[in-house]
Every structure is written in structure tokens, then in C-alpha cells.
Amino acid sequence: MEKLPTTVEEGKTNAIISYITIIGTIVALVLNNGKKNAFASFHIRQMIGLNILSLINSLILARFLGPFITGGISIILLVLWVIGFMGVLKGEEKLVPVVGAQFQDWFKGI
């Protein structure tokens, strides 16, 4: 496997794009596919995980748990999103609490 450039400034734009809805995550993934950047890849993996959790929350859990609990989960996901986004703005590879390490492991091929 080739060594990925780790320059934060080179990957910051794609990393920021990945935090702008699920479409932004897909766009960032495609843009990062050509010239891979470790910083962008890190944040894309975080957002793929958060997007999947969000979809599970809104499409599956909402049917079984009701609006109060899924609303609370949505707020937690929003807090995780803010933590990740602040990491991008600061130029840090900051894992989102609780699930961030799993996202890095599950999506390590990205």
C-alpha cells in the first residue's frame, strides 16, 4: 500500500466537504480517491460512520423507539458531528467519542 500524504492543508477542503450532508461525504470520497490524503480520509471515515448511524436512527430506530428517543439520539449525533467538524477546522485528526475508533477500523480501506 502506498504511503498517503499527511499534509493537513492539502486534505482540509475535502475533509470539510465530507461534513456537509451525506452528499458532501460522497463528493469528498470521490475527490479523495484520485490523490489520497490521510487527513481527508480520516474525516471521511468519521462521516461515513456518522451518516450510517443517522440513517439507522431515522429509518429504522424511529419506527420502534418513538420520536422522543430518536430525537435524543439525533442530538447526540449532532454533538458528535460538531466535535468532528471542530477537529477539521483545527487541523486535528480527532476521533468522535465512543464510536470514532470503530469507524476508523471498519472503513480503513477508504
PDB file of N, CA and C in Angstrom:
ATOM      1  N   MET A   1       0.848  -1.186   0.000  1.00  0.00           N
ATOM      2  CA  MET A   1       0.000   0.000   0.000  1.00  0.00           C
ATOM      3  C   MET A   1       0.887   1.240   0.000  1.00  0.00           C
ATOM      4  N   GLU A   2       0.526   2.197  -0.831  1.00  0.00           N
ATOM      5  CA  GLU A   2       1.341   3.406  -0.920  1.00  0.00           C
ATOM      6  C   GLU A   2       1.127   4.289   0.293  1.00  0.00           C
ATOM      7  N   LYS A   3       2.131   5.059   0.653  1.00  0.00           N
ATOM      8  CA  LYS A   3       2.057   5.963   1.792  1.00  0.00           C
ATOM      9  C   LYS A   3       1.222   7.181   1.406  1.00  0.00           C
ATOM     10  N   LEU A   4       0.271   7.499   2.249  1.00  0.00           N
ATOM     11  CA  LEU A   4      -0.607   8.635   1.990  1.00  0.00           C
ATOM     12  C   LEU A   4       0.046   9.916   2.478  1.00  0.00           C
ATOM     13  N   PRO A   5      -0.072  10.996   1.696  1.00  0.00           N
ATOM     14  CA  PRO A   5       0.431  12.280   2.196  1.00  0.00           C
ATOM     15  C   PRO A   5      -0.387  12.698   3.420  1.00  0.00           C
ATOM     16  N   THR A   6       0.251  13.250   4.394  1.00  0.00           N
ATOM     17  CA  THR A   6      -0.457  13.616   5.621  1.00  0.00           C
ATOM     18  C   THR A   6      -0.609  15.121   5.781  1.00  0.00           C
ATOM     19  N   THR A   7      -0.380  15.860   4.721  1.00  0.00           N
ATOM     20  CA  THR A   7      -0.485  17.306   4.817  1.00  0.00           C
ATOM     21  C   THR A   7      -1.925  17.711   5.105  1.00  0.00           C
ATOM     22  N   VAL A   8      -2.107  18.359   6.224  1.00  0.00           N
ATOM     23  CA  VAL A   8      -3.441  18.787   6.636  1.00  0.00           C
ATOM     24  C   VAL A   8      -4.019  19.773   5.624  1.00  0.00           C
ATOM     25  N   GLU A   9      -3.237  20.743   5.211  1.00  0.00           N
ATOM     26  CA  GLU A   9      -3.747  21.771   4.304  1.00  0.00           C
ATOM     27  C   GLU A   9      -4.203  21.179   2.971  1.00  0.00           C
ATOM     28  N   GLU A  10      -3.511  20.153   2.479  1.00  0.00           N
ATOM     29  CA  GLU A  10      -3.907  19.518   1.221  1.00  0.00           C
ATOM     30  C   GLU A  10      -5.242  18.806   1.349  1.00  0.00           C
ATOM     31  N   GLY A  11      -5.542  18.258   2.506  1.00  0.00           N
ATOM     32  CA  GLY A  11      -6.766  17.480   2.670  1.00  0.00           C
ATOM     33  C   GLY A  11      -7.893  18.200   3.366  1.00  0.00           C
ATOM     34  N   LYS A  12      -7.640  19.412   3.827  1.00  0.00           N
ATOM     35  CA  LYS A  12      -8.636  20.119   4.637  1.00  0.00           C
ATOM     36  C   LYS A  12      -9.929  20.408   3.874  1.00  0.00           C
ATOM     37  N   THR A  13      -9.819  20.798   2.620  1.00  0.00           N
ATOM     38  CA  THR A  13     -11.025  21.110   1.840  1.00  0.00           C
ATOM     39  C   THR A  13     -11.911  19.886   1.700  1.00  0.00           C
ATOM     40  N   ASN A  14     -11.327  18.744   1.316  1.00  0.00           N
ATOM     41  CA  ASN A  14     -12.117  17.518   1.192  1.00  0.00           C
ATOM     42  C   ASN A  14     -12.692  17.094   2.536  1.00  0.00           C
ATOM     43  N   ALA A  15     -11.932  17.278   3.596  1.00  0.00           N
ATOM     44  CA  ALA A  15     -12.418  16.929   4.924  1.00  0.00           C
ATOM     45  C   ALA A  15     -13.630  17.783   5.301  1.00  0.00           C
ATOM     46  N   ILE A  16     -13.567  19.067   5.016  1.00  0.00           N
ATOM     47  CA  ILE A  16     -14.697  19.968   5.306  1.00  0.00           C
ATOM     48  C   ILE A  16     -15.909  19.575   4.464  1.00  0.00           C
ATOM     49  N   ILE A  17     -15.690  19.297   3.188  1.00  0.00           N
ATOM     50  CA  ILE A  17     -16.790  18.895   2.300  1.00  0.00           C
ATOM     51  C   ILE A  17     -17.485  17.650   2.843  1.00  0.00           C
ATOM     52  N   SER A  18     -16.715  16.729   3.415  1.00  0.00           N
ATOM     53  CA  SER A  18     -17.306  15.482   3.911  1.00  0.00           C
ATOM     54  C   SER A  18     -18.320  15.716   5.028  1.00  0.00           C
ATOM     55  N   TYR A  19     -18.215  16.838   5.721  1.00  0.00           N
ATOM     56  CA  TYR A  19     -19.138  17.133   6.819  1.00  0.00           C
ATOM     57  C   TYR A  19     -20.421  17.824   6.357  1.00  0.00           C
ATOM     58  N   ILE A  20     -20.544  18.089   5.057  1.00  0.00           N
ATOM     59  CA  ILE A  20     -21.729  18.782   4.542  1.00  0.00           C
ATOM     60  C   ILE A  20     -22.677  17.748   3.951  1.00  0.00           C
ATOM     61  N   THR A  21     -23.520  17.202   4.751  1.00  0.00           N
ATOM     62  CA  THR A  21     -24.526  16.184   4.415  1.00  0.00           C
ATOM     63  C   THR A  21     -23.907  14.917   3.836  1.00  0.00           C
ATOM     64  N   ILE A  22     -24.733  13.939   3.594  1.00  0.00           N
ATOM     65  CA  ILE A  22     -24.264  12.666   3.049  1.00  0.00           C
ATOM     66  C   ILE A  22     -23.745  12.855   1.618  1.00  0.00           C
ATOM     67  N   ILE A  23     -24.327  13.786   0.891  1.00  0.00           N
ATOM     68  CA  ILE A  23     -23.855  14.065  -0.470  1.00  0.00           C
ATOM     69  C   ILE A  23     -22.437  14.639  -0.419  1.00  0.00           C
ATOM     70  N   GLY A  24     -22.173  15.502   0.530  1.00  0.00           N
ATOM     71  CA  GLY A  24     -20.828  16.038   0.698  1.00  0.00           C
ATOM     72  C   GLY A  24     -19.827  14.942   1.021  1.00  0.00           C
ATOM     73  N   THR A  25     -20.250  13.968   1.825  1.00  0.00           N
ATOM     74  CA  THR A  25     -19.372  12.847   2.150  1.00  0.00           C
ATOM     75  C   THR A  25     -19.040  12.048   0.896  1.00  0.00           C
ATOM     76  N   ILE A  26     -20.036  11.814   0.058  1.00  0.00           N
ATOM     77  CA  ILE A  26     -19.815  11.074  -1.193  1.00  0.00           C
ATOM     78  C   ILE A  26     -18.905  11.865  -2.122  1.00  0.00           C
ATOM     79  N   VAL A  27     -19.138  13.167  -2.242  1.00  0.00           N
ATOM     80  CA  VAL A  27     -18.295  14.018  -3.096  1.00  0.00           C
ATOM     81  C   VAL A  27     -16.855  13.998  -2.587  1.00  0.00           C
ATOM     82  N   ALA A  28     -16.668  14.141  -1.282  1.00  0.00           N
ATOM     83  CA  ALA A  28     -15.313  14.131  -0.705  1.00  0.00           C
ATOM     84  C   ALA A  28     -14.632  12.791  -0.936  1.00  0.00           C
ATOM     85  N   LEU A  29     -15.395  11.717  -0.837  1.00  0.00           N
ATOM     86  CA  LEU A  29     -14.847  10.376  -1.077  1.00  0.00           C
ATOM     87  C   LEU A  29     -14.350  10.249  -2.510  1.00  0.00           C
ATOM     88  N   VAL A  30     -15.140  10.731  -3.461  1.00  0.00           N
ATOM     89  CA  VAL A  30     -14.745  10.680  -4.876  1.00  0.00           C
ATOM     90  C   VAL A  30     -13.528  11.576  -5.121  1.00  0.00           C
ATOM     91  N   LEU A  31     -13.541  12.792  -4.583  1.00  0.00           N
ATOM     92  CA  LEU A  31     -12.419  13.712  -4.769  1.00  0.00           C
ATOM     93  C   LEU A  31     -11.132  13.176  -4.145  1.00  0.00           C
ATOM     94  N   ASN A  32     -11.259  12.483  -3.040  1.00  0.00           N
ATOM     95  CA  ASN A  32     -10.078  11.962  -2.339  1.00  0.00           C
ATOM     96  C   ASN A  32      -9.565  10.668  -2.968  1.00  0.00           C
ATOM     97  N   ASN A  33     -10.359  10.073  -3.837  1.00  0.00           N
ATOM     98  CA  ASN A  33      -9.986   8.795  -4.444  1.00  0.00           C
ATOM     99  C   ASN A  33      -8.778   8.922  -5.365  1.00  0.00           C
ATOM    100  N   GLY A  34      -8.656  10.039  -6.075  1.00  0.00           N
ATOM    101  CA  GLY A  34      -7.544  10.218  -7.002  1.00  0.00           C
ATOM    102  C   GLY A  34      -6.220  10.365  -6.291  1.00  0.00           C
ATOM    103  N   LYS A  35      -6.075  11.434  -5.562  1.00  0.00           N
ATOM    104  CA  LYS A  35      -4.843  11.687  -4.796  1.00  0.00           C
ATOM    105  C   LYS A  35      -5.214  11.590  -3.320  1.00  0.00           C
ATOM    106  N   LYS A  36      -5.006  10.415  -2.761  1.00  0.00           N
ATOM    107  CA  LYS A  36      -5.412  10.168  -1.376  1.00  0.00           C
ATOM    108  C   LYS A  36      -4.630  11.042  -0.403  1.00  0.00           C
ATOM    109  N   ASN A  37      -5.345  11.534   0.569  1.00  0.00           N
ATOM    110  CA  ASN A  37      -4.768  12.328   1.638  1.00  0.00           C
ATOM    111  C   ASN A  37      -5.214  11.712   2.953  1.00  0.00           C
ATOM    112  N   ALA A  38      -4.285  11.401   3.832  1.00  0.00           N
ATOM    113  CA  ALA A  38      -4.595  10.724   5.091  1.00  0.00           C
ATOM    114  C   ALA A  38      -5.531  11.539   5.975  1.00  0.00           C
ATOM    115  N   PHE A  39      -5.340  12.869   6.006  1.00  0.00           N
ATOM    116  CA  PHE A  39      -6.190  13.726   6.830  1.00  0.00           C
ATOM    117  C   PHE A  39      -7.631  13.690   6.330  1.00  0.00           C
ATOM    118  N   ALA A  40      -7.816  13.847   5.020  1.00  0.00           N
ATOM    119  CA  ALA A  40      -9.155  13.804   4.449  1.00  0.00           C
ATOM    120  C   ALA A  40      -9.776  12.422   4.641  1.00  0.00           C
ATOM    121  N   SER A  41      -9.003  11.371   4.413  1.00  0.00           N
ATOM    122  CA  SER A  41      -9.513  10.007   4.575  1.00  0.00           C
ATOM    123  C   SER A  41     -10.000   9.764   5.998  1.00  0.00           C
ATOM    124  N   PHE A  42      -9.247  10.255   6.971  1.00  0.00           N
ATOM    125  CA  PHE A  42      -9.631  10.114   8.379  1.00  0.00           C
ATOM    126  C   PHE A  42     -11.024  10.697   8.609  1.00  0.00           C
ATOM    127  N   HIS A  43     -11.247  11.926   8.151  1.00  0.00           N
ATOM    128  CA  HIS A  43     -12.531  12.593   8.399  1.00  0.00           C
ATOM    129  C   HIS A  43     -13.648  12.016   7.540  1.00  0.00           C
ATOM    130  N   ILE A  44     -13.331  11.546   6.350  1.00  0.00           N
ATOM    131  CA  ILE A  44     -14.346  10.890   5.521  1.00  0.00           C
ATOM    132  C   ILE A  44     -14.832   9.621   6.227  1.00  0.00           C
ATOM    133  N   ARG A  45     -13.910   8.849   6.810  1.00  0.00           N
ATOM    134  CA  ARG A  45     -14.307   7.647   7.556  1.00  0.00           C
ATOM    135  C   ARG A  45     -15.206   8.009   8.740  1.00  0.00           C
ATOM    136  N   GLN A  46     -14.887   9.089   9.441  1.00  0.00           N
ATOM    137  CA  GLN A  46     -15.721   9.518  10.565  1.00  0.00           C
ATOM    138  C   GLN A  46     -17.135   9.852  10.087  1.00  0.00           C
ATOM    139  N   MET A  47     -17.215  10.560   8.971  1.00  0.00           N
ATOM    140  CA  MET A  47     -18.527  10.971   8.478  1.00  0.00           C
ATOM    141  C   MET A  47     -19.320   9.827   7.858  1.00  0.00           C
ATOM    142  N   ILE A  48     -18.661   8.879   7.233  1.00  0.00           N
ATOM    143  CA  ILE A  48     -19.388   7.707   6.732  1.00  0.00           C
ATOM    144  C   ILE A  48     -20.071   7.016   7.909  1.00  0.00           C
ATOM    145  N   GLY A  49     -19.346   6.848   8.996  1.00  0.00           N
ATOM    146  CA  GLY A  49     -19.919   6.227  10.184  1.00  0.00           C
ATOM    147  C   GLY A  49     -21.070   7.022  10.769  1.00  0.00           C
ATOM    148  N   LEU A  50     -20.891   8.335  10.903  1.00  0.00           N
ATOM    149  CA  LEU A  50     -21.966   9.161  11.453  1.00  0.00           C
ATOM    150  C   LEU A  50     -23.183   9.180  10.538  1.00  0.00           C
ATOM    151  N   ASN A  51     -22.963   9.195   9.227  1.00  0.00           N
ATOM    152  CA  ASN A  51     -24.087   9.154   8.288  1.00  0.00           C
ATOM    153  C   ASN A  51     -24.849   7.837   8.387  1.00  0.00           C
ATOM    154  N   ILE A  52     -24.125   6.738   8.524  1.00  0.00           N
ATOM    155  CA  ILE A  52     -24.792   5.441   8.676  1.00  0.00           C
ATOM    156  C   ILE A  52     -25.601   5.403   9.968  1.00  0.00           C
ATOM    157  N   LEU A  53     -25.026   5.880  11.067  1.00  0.00           N
ATOM    158  CA  LEU A  53     -25.769   5.921  12.327  1.00  0.00           C
ATOM    159  C   LEU A  53     -27.005   6.803  12.214  1.00  0.00           C
ATOM    160  N   SER A  54     -26.872   7.912  11.522  1.00  0.00           N
ATOM    161  CA  SER A  54     -28.005   8.808  11.338  1.00  0.00           C
ATOM    162  C   SER A  54     -29.117   8.151  10.527  1.00  0.00           C
ATOM    163  N   LEU A  55     -28.738   7.449   9.469  1.00  0.00           N
ATOM    164  CA  LEU A  55     -29.736   6.740   8.661  1.00  0.00           C
ATOM    165  C   LEU A  55     -30.420   5.638   9.467  1.00  0.00           C
ATOM    166  N   ILE A  56     -29.644   4.887  10.226  1.00  0.00           N
ATOM    167  CA  ILE A  56     -30.233   3.842  11.075  1.00  0.00           C
ATOM    168  C   ILE A  56     -31.197   4.465  12.072  1.00  0.00           C
ATOM    169  N   ASN A  57     -30.801   5.587  12.660  1.00  0.00           N
ATOM    170  CA  ASN A  57     -31.656   6.271  13.631  1.00  0.00           C
ATOM    171  C   ASN A  57     -32.959   6.735  12.996  1.00  0.00           C
ATOM    172  N   SER A  58     -32.874   7.362  11.833  1.00  0.00           N
ATOM    173  CA  SER A  58     -34.085   7.947  11.250  1.00  0.00           C
ATOM    174  C   SER A  58     -34.948   6.940  10.489  1.00  0.00           C
ATOM    175  N   LEU A  59     -34.331   5.913   9.903  1.00  0.00           N
ATOM    176  CA  LEU A  59     -35.115   4.979   9.097  1.00  0.00           C
ATOM    177  C   LEU A  59     -35.550   3.723   9.850  1.00  0.00           C
ATOM    178  N   ILE A  60     -34.777   3.296  10.816  1.00  0.00           N
ATOM    179  CA  ILE A  60     -35.088   2.037  11.499  1.00  0.00           C
ATOM    180  C   ILE A  60     -35.527   2.272  12.938  1.00  0.00           C
ATOM    181  N   LEU A  61     -34.686   2.929  13.721  1.00  0.00           N
ATOM    182  CA  LEU A  61     -34.996   3.104  15.137  1.00  0.00           C
ATOM    183  C   LEU A  61     -36.243   3.944  15.366  1.00  0.00           C
ATOM    184  N   ALA A  62     -36.494   4.905  14.499  1.00  0.00           N
ATOM    185  CA  ALA A  62     -37.661   5.775  14.661  1.00  0.00           C
ATOM    186  C   ALA A  62     -38.960   4.979  14.672  1.00  0.00           C
ATOM    187  N   ARG A  63     -39.002   3.865  13.947  1.00  0.00           N
ATOM    188  CA  ARG A  63     -40.219   3.034  13.898  1.00  0.00           C
ATOM    189  C   ARG A  63     -40.467   2.308  15.209  1.00  0.00           C
ATOM    190  N   PHE A  64     -39.394   2.000  15.948  1.00  0.00           N
ATOM    191  CA  PHE A  64     -39.530   1.184  17.135  1.00  0.00           C
ATOM    192  C   PHE A  64     -39.419   1.955  18.442  1.00  0.00           C
ATOM    193  N   LEU A  65     -38.668   3.033  18.451  1.00  0.00           N
ATOM    194  CA  LEU A  65     -38.386   3.731  19.702  1.00  0.00           C
ATOM    195  C   LEU A  65     -39.183   5.006  19.915  1.00  0.00           C
ATOM    196  N   GLY A  66     -39.784   5.522  18.877  1.00  0.00           N
ATOM    197  CA  GLY A  66     -40.573   6.730  19.009  1.00  0.00           C
ATOM    198  C   GLY A  66     -39.764   8.003  18.856  1.00  0.00           C
ATOM    199  N   PRO A  67     -40.455   9.122  18.713  1.00  0.00           N
ATOM    200  CA  PRO A  67     -39.791  10.380  18.401  1.00  0.00           C
ATOM    201  C   PRO A  67     -38.941  10.937  19.541  1.00  0.00           C
ATOM    202  N   PHE A  68     -39.301  10.682  20.772  1.00  0.00           N
ATOM    203  CA  PHE A  68     -38.535  11.247  21.884  1.00  0.00           C
ATOM    204  C   PHE A  68     -37.130  10.647  21.946  1.00  0.00           C
ATOM    205  N   ILE A  69     -37.046   9.337  21.888  1.00  0.00           N
ATOM    206  CA  ILE A  69     -35.740   8.674  21.983  1.00  0.00           C
ATOM    207  C   ILE A  69     -34.912   8.924  20.727  1.00  0.00           C
ATOM    208  N   THR A  70     -35.530   8.814  19.549  1.00  0.00           N
ATOM    209  CA  THR A  70     -34.756   9.054  18.326  1.00  0.00           C
ATOM    210  C   THR A  70     -34.349  10.520  18.213  1.00  0.00           C
ATOM    211  N   GLY A  71     -35.145  11.424  18.763  1.00  0.00           N
ATOM    212  CA  GLY A  71     -34.752  12.833  18.813  1.00  0.00           C
ATOM    213  C   GLY A  71     -33.534  13.023  19.690  1.00  0.00           C
ATOM    214  N   GLY A  72     -33.502  12.321  20.824  1.00  0.00           N
ATOM    215  CA  GLY A  72     -32.338  12.378  21.702  1.00  0.00           C
ATOM    216  C   GLY A  72     -31.096  11.817  21.028  1.00  0.00           C
ATOM    217  N   ILE A  73     -31.262  10.714  20.302  1.00  0.00           N
ATOM    218  CA  ILE A  73     -30.143  10.130  19.562  1.00  0.00           C
ATOM    219  C   ILE A  73     -29.662  11.110  18.492  1.00  0.00           C
ATOM    220  N   SER A  74     -30.601  11.791  17.839  1.00  0.00           N
ATOM    221  CA  SER A  74     -30.236  12.786  16.821  1.00  0.00           C
ATOM    222  C   SER A  74     -29.403  13.910  17.420  1.00  0.00           C
ATOM    223  N   ILE A  75     -29.756  14.334  18.619  1.00  0.00           N
ATOM    224  CA  ILE A  75     -28.993  15.391  19.287  1.00  0.00           C
ATOM    225  C   ILE A  75     -27.575  14.895  19.609  1.00  0.00           C
ATOM    226  N   ILE A  76     -27.469  13.649  20.062  1.00  0.00           N
ATOM    227  CA  ILE A  76     -26.151  13.074  20.339  1.00  0.00           C
ATOM    228  C   ILE A  76     -25.325  13.018  19.062  1.00  0.00           C
ATOM    229  N   LEU A  77     -25.941  12.593  17.958  1.00  0.00           N
ATOM    230  CA  LEU A  77     -25.237  12.533  16.675  1.00  0.00           C
ATOM    231  C   LEU A  77     -24.807  13.927  16.220  1.00  0.00           C
ATOM    232  N   LEU A  78     -25.643  14.927  16.468  1.00  0.00           N
ATOM    233  CA  LEU A  78     -25.286  16.305  16.130  1.00  0.00           C
ATOM    234  C   LEU A  78     -24.063  16.761  16.940  1.00  0.00           C
ATOM    235  N   VAL A  79     -24.020  16.413  18.213  1.00  0.00           N
ATOM    236  CA  VAL A  79     -22.872  16.761  19.052  1.00  0.00           C
ATOM    237  C   VAL A  79     -21.607  16.080  18.518  1.00  0.00           C
ATOM    238  N   LEU A  80     -21.711  14.808  18.132  1.00  0.00           N
ATOM    239  CA  LEU A  80     -20.567  14.097  17.556  1.00  0.00           C
ATOM    240  C   LEU A  80     -20.117  14.755  16.255  1.00  0.00           C
ATOM    241  N   TRP A  81     -21.088  15.195  15.439  1.00  0.00           N
ATOM    242  CA  TRP A  81     -20.773  15.889  14.191  1.00  0.00           C
ATOM    243  C   TRP A  81     -19.993  17.184  14.486  1.00  0.00           C
ATOM    244  N   VAL A  82     -20.454  17.945  15.466  1.00  0.00           N
ATOM    245  CA  VAL A  82     -19.790  19.207  15.826  1.00  0.00           C
ATOM    246  C   VAL A  82     -18.361  18.929  16.303  1.00  0.00           C
ATOM    247  N   ILE A  83     -18.170  17.898  17.111  1.00  0.00           N
ATOM    248  CA  ILE A  83     -16.833  17.553  17.597  1.00  0.00           C
ATOM    249  C   ILE A  83     -15.916  17.227  16.417  1.00  0.00           C
ATOM    250  N   GLY A  84     -16.420  16.412  15.487  1.00  0.00           N
ATOM    251  CA  GLY A  84     -15.626  16.068  14.308  1.00  0.00           C
ATOM    252  C   GLY A  84     -15.318  17.284  13.456  1.00  0.00           C
ATOM    253  N   PHE A  85     -16.312  18.123  13.232  1.00  0.00           N
ATOM    254  CA  PHE A  85     -16.137  19.312  12.390  1.00  0.00           C
ATOM    255  C   PHE A  85     -15.151  20.287  13.018  1.00  0.00           C
ATOM    256  N   MET A  86     -15.209  20.427  14.332  1.00  0.00           N
ATOM    257  CA  MET A  86     -14.248  21.301  15.016  1.00  0.00           C
ATOM    258  C   MET A  86     -12.827  20.755  14.852  1.00  0.00           C
ATOM    259  N   GLY A  87     -12.703  19.441  14.847  1.00  0.00           N
ATOM    260  CA  GLY A  87     -11.402  18.828  14.609  1.00  0.00           C
ATOM    261  C   GLY A  87     -10.847  19.181  13.239  1.00  0.00           C
ATOM    262  N   VAL A  88     -11.716  19.172  12.225  1.00  0.00           N
ATOM    263  CA  VAL A  88     -11.279  19.559  10.872  1.00  0.00           C
ATOM    264  C   VAL A  88     -10.803  20.997  10.868  1.00  0.00           C
ATOM    265  N   LEU A  89     -11.592  21.875  11.437  1.00  0.00           N
ATOM    266  CA  LEU A  89     -11.246  23.297  11.429  1.00  0.00           C
ATOM    267  C   LEU A  89      -9.928  23.567  12.156  1.00  0.00           C
ATOM    268  N   LYS A  90      -9.643  22.777  13.194  1.00  0.00           N
ATOM    269  CA  LYS A  90      -8.389  22.935  13.940  1.00  0.00           C
ATOM    270  C   LYS A  90      -7.233  22.181  13.288  1.00  0.00           C
ATOM    271  N   GLY A  91      -7.536  21.387  12.250  1.00  0.00           N
ATOM    272  CA  GLY A  91      -6.499  20.610  11.584  1.00  0.00           C
ATOM    273  C   GLY A  91      -6.072  19.388  12.379  1.00  0.00           C
ATOM    274  N   GLU A  92      -6.990  18.834  13.169  1.00  0.00           N
ATOM    275  CA  GLU A  92      -6.685  17.680  14.014  1.00  0.00           C
ATOM    276  C   GLU A  92      -7.403  16.435  13.522  1.00  0.00           C
ATOM    277  N   GLU A  93      -6.789  15.287  13.706  1.00  0.00           N
ATOM    278  CA  GLU A  93      -7.455  14.014  13.465  1.00  0.00           C
ATOM    279  C   GLU A  93      -8.061  13.577  14.793  1.00  0.00           C
ATOM    280  N   LYS A  94      -9.196  14.189  15.123  1.00  0.00           N
ATOM    281  CA  LYS A  94      -9.836  13.950  16.410  1.00  0.00           C
ATOM    282  C   LYS A  94     -10.969  12.943  16.235  1.00  0.00           C
ATOM    283  N   LEU A  95     -10.859  11.811  16.925  1.00  0.00           N
ATOM    284  CA  LEU A  95     -11.904  10.795  16.871  1.00  0.00           C
ATOM    285  C   LEU A  95     -13.156  11.309  17.559  1.00  0.00           C
ATOM    286  N   VAL A  96     -14.314  11.030  16.964  1.00  0.00           N
ATOM    287  CA  VAL A  96     -15.544  11.353  17.671  1.00  0.00           C
ATOM    288  C   VAL A  96     -15.659  10.365  18.838  1.00  0.00           C
ATOM    289  N   PRO A  97     -16.148  10.837  19.983  1.00  0.00           N
ATOM    290  CA  PRO A  97     -16.209   9.963  21.164  1.00  0.00           C
ATOM    291  C   PRO A  97     -17.032   8.697  20.927  1.00  0.00           C
ATOM    292  N   VAL A  98     -16.683   7.659  21.611  1.00  0.00           N
ATOM    293  CA  VAL A  98     -17.351   6.364  21.677  1.00  0.00           C
ATOM    294  C   VAL A  98     -17.211   5.540  20.395  1.00  0.00           C
ATOM    295  N   VAL A  99     -17.557   6.088  19.240  1.00  0.00           N
ATOM    296  CA  VAL A  99     -17.616   5.290  18.008  1.00  0.00           C
ATOM    297  C   VAL A  99     -16.530   5.620  16.991  1.00  0.00           C
ATOM    298  N   GLY A 100     -15.782   6.667  17.188  1.00  0.00           N
ATOM    299  CA  GLY A 100     -14.793   7.110  16.208  1.00  0.00           C
ATOM    300  C   GLY A 100     -13.729   6.081  15.892  1.00  0.00           C
ATOM    301  N   ALA A 101     -13.230   5.394  16.906  1.00  0.00           N
ATOM    302  CA  ALA A 101     -12.199   4.373  16.671  1.00  0.00           C
ATOM    303  C   ALA A 101     -12.759   3.218  15.843  1.00  0.00           C
ATOM    304  N   GLN A 102     -14.012   2.849  16.098  1.00  0.00           N
ATOM    305  CA  GLN A 102     -14.641   1.786  15.308  1.00  0.00           C
ATOM    306  C   GLN A 102     -14.784   2.205  13.854  1.00  0.00           C
ATOM    307  N   PHE A 103     -15.152   3.462  13.610  1.00  0.00           N
ATOM    308  CA  PHE A 103     -15.281   3.939  12.234  1.00  0.00           C
ATOM    309  C   PHE A 103     -13.952   3.835  11.507  1.00  0.00           C
ATOM    310  N   GLN A 104     -12.869   4.209  12.199  1.00  0.00           N
ATOM    311  CA  GLN A 104     -11.544   4.140  11.571  1.00  0.00           C
ATOM    312  C   GLN A 104     -11.193   2.697  11.218  1.00  0.00           C
ATOM    313  N   ASP A 105     -11.584   1.773  12.069  1.00  0.00           N
ATOM    314  CA  ASP A 105     -11.291   0.370  11.819  1.00  0.00           C
ATOM    315  C   ASP A 105     -12.197  -0.207  10.735  1.00  0.00           C
ATOM    316  N   TRP A 106     -13.490   0.042  10.833  1.00  0.00           N
ATOM    317  CA  TRP A 106     -14.451  -0.517   9.877  1.00  0.00           C
ATOM    318  C   TRP A 106     -14.219  -0.033   8.463  1.00  0.00           C
ATOM    319  N   PHE A 107     -13.854   1.222   8.319  1.00  0.00           N
ATOM    320  CA  PHE A 107     -13.719   1.820   6.976  1.00  0.00           C
ATOM    321  C   PHE A 107     -12.263   2.089   6.608  1.00  0.00           C
ATOM    322  N   LYS A 108     -11.343   1.298   7.143  1.00  0.00           N
ATOM    323  CA  LYS A 108      -9.909   1.544   6.922  1.00  0.00           C
ATOM    324  C   LYS A 108      -9.489   1.440   5.466  1.00  0.00           C
ATOM    325  N   GLY A 109     -10.290   0.825   4.616  1.00  0.00           N
ATOM    326  CA  GLY A 109      -9.961   0.740   3.194  1.00  0.00           C
ATOM    327  C   GLY A 109     -10.164   2.047   2.447  1.00  0.00           C
ATOM    328  N   ILE A 110     -10.726   3.036   3.117  1.00  0.00           N
ATOM    329  CA  ILE A 110     -11.028   4.315   2.472  1.00  0.00           C
ATOM    330  C   ILE A 110      -9.889   5.283   2.705  1.00  0.00           C
TER     331      ILE A 110
END
